[in-house]
Amino acid sequence: MRLTRSGERVLKVARPLWAQAQNKVLKDLGTRAWDDAQRRLARLLHVAVEKRRLRQKRMRKPVRA
């Protein structure tokens, strides 16, 4: 996958803005709260992916009469 030139320009502008926003949140929350939020988000992602995987597995299972 490749970005278009337009996409590359947008990304070039967005990256420093994203870094500024992330640094502000880190400064406002503090490192402990930031680390806790990162852990919780990673766990939430893991649970969501696992739930989706199990749901797809159930849907593929043949129904026995």
Protein backbone atom coordinates (compact mmCIF):
# COMPACT_ATOMS: atom_id res chain seq x y z
CA MET A 1 0.00 0.00 0.00
CA ARG A 2 1.26 3.46 -0.83
CA LEU A 3 0.11 6.95 -0.05
CA THR A 4 -0.61 9.35 -2.84
CA ARG A 5 1.47 12.52 -2.99
CA SER A 6 -1.47 14.37 -1.53
CA GLY A 7 -1.66 11.85 1.31
CA GLU A 8 2.06 12.19 1.95
CA ARG A 9 1.69 15.98 2.23
CA VAL A 10 -1.21 15.64 4.65
CA LEU A 11 0.73 13.13 6.76
CA LYS A 12 3.79 15.40 6.81
CA VAL A 13 1.64 18.20 8.26
CA ALA A 14 -0.30 15.93 10.63
CA ARG A 15 2.62 14.11 12.30
CA PRO A 16 4.04 17.09 14.21
CA LEU A 17 0.52 18.17 15.21
CA TRP A 18 -0.19 14.66 16.51
CA ALA A 19 3.09 14.69 18.45
CA GLN A 20 2.18 18.06 20.01
CA ALA A 21 -1.25 16.79 21.02
CA GLN A 22 0.19 13.59 22.45
CA ASN A 23 2.82 15.53 24.42
CA LYS A 24 0.14 17.84 25.84
CA VAL A 25 -1.99 14.91 26.97
CA LEU A 26 1.07 13.24 28.51
CA LYS A 27 2.00 16.47 30.31
CA ASP A 28 -1.56 17.02 31.57
CA LEU A 29 -2.13 13.42 32.69
CA GLY A 30 1.33 12.60 33.93
CA THR A 31 3.30 9.49 33.06
CA ARG A 32 1.53 7.17 35.51
CA ALA A 33 -1.96 7.97 34.22
CA TRP A 34 -0.69 7.90 30.62
CA ASP A 35 0.84 4.44 31.12
CA ASP A 36 -2.36 3.23 32.80
CA ALA A 37 -4.47 4.56 29.91
CA GLN A 38 -2.19 2.84 27.38
CA ARG A 39 -2.46 -0.47 29.27
CA ARG A 40 -6.23 -0.21 29.49
CA LEU A 41 -6.58 0.62 25.80
CA ALA A 42 -4.32 -2.30 24.84
CA ARG A 43 -6.42 -4.64 27.00
CA LEU A 44 -9.64 -3.29 25.51
CA LEU A 45 -8.30 -3.88 22.01
CA HIS A 46 -7.27 -7.43 22.92
CA VAL A 47 -10.73 -8.20 24.34
CA ALA A 48 -12.50 -6.75 21.29
CA VAL A 49 -10.33 -8.70 18.85
CA GLU A 50 -10.79 -11.93 20.80
CA LYS A 51 -14.56 -11.44 21.02
CA ARG A 52 -14.74 -10.86 17.27
CA ARG A 53 -12.62 -13.94 16.61
CA LEU A 54 -14.88 -16.12 18.78
CA ARG A 55 -18.03 -14.72 17.15
CA GLN A 56 -16.65 -15.47 13.68
CA LYS A 57 -15.66 -18.96 14.79
CA ARG A 58 -19.22 -19.65 16.04
CA MET A 59 -20.71 -18.40 12.78
CA ARG A 60 -18.54 -20.76 10.76
CA LYS A 61 -19.40 -23.80 12.88
CA PRO A 62 -21.70 -26.19 11.02
CA VAL A 63 -25.13 -26.63 12.60
CA ARG A 64 -25.88 -30.21 13.65
CA ALA A 65 -29.42 -31.51 13.37
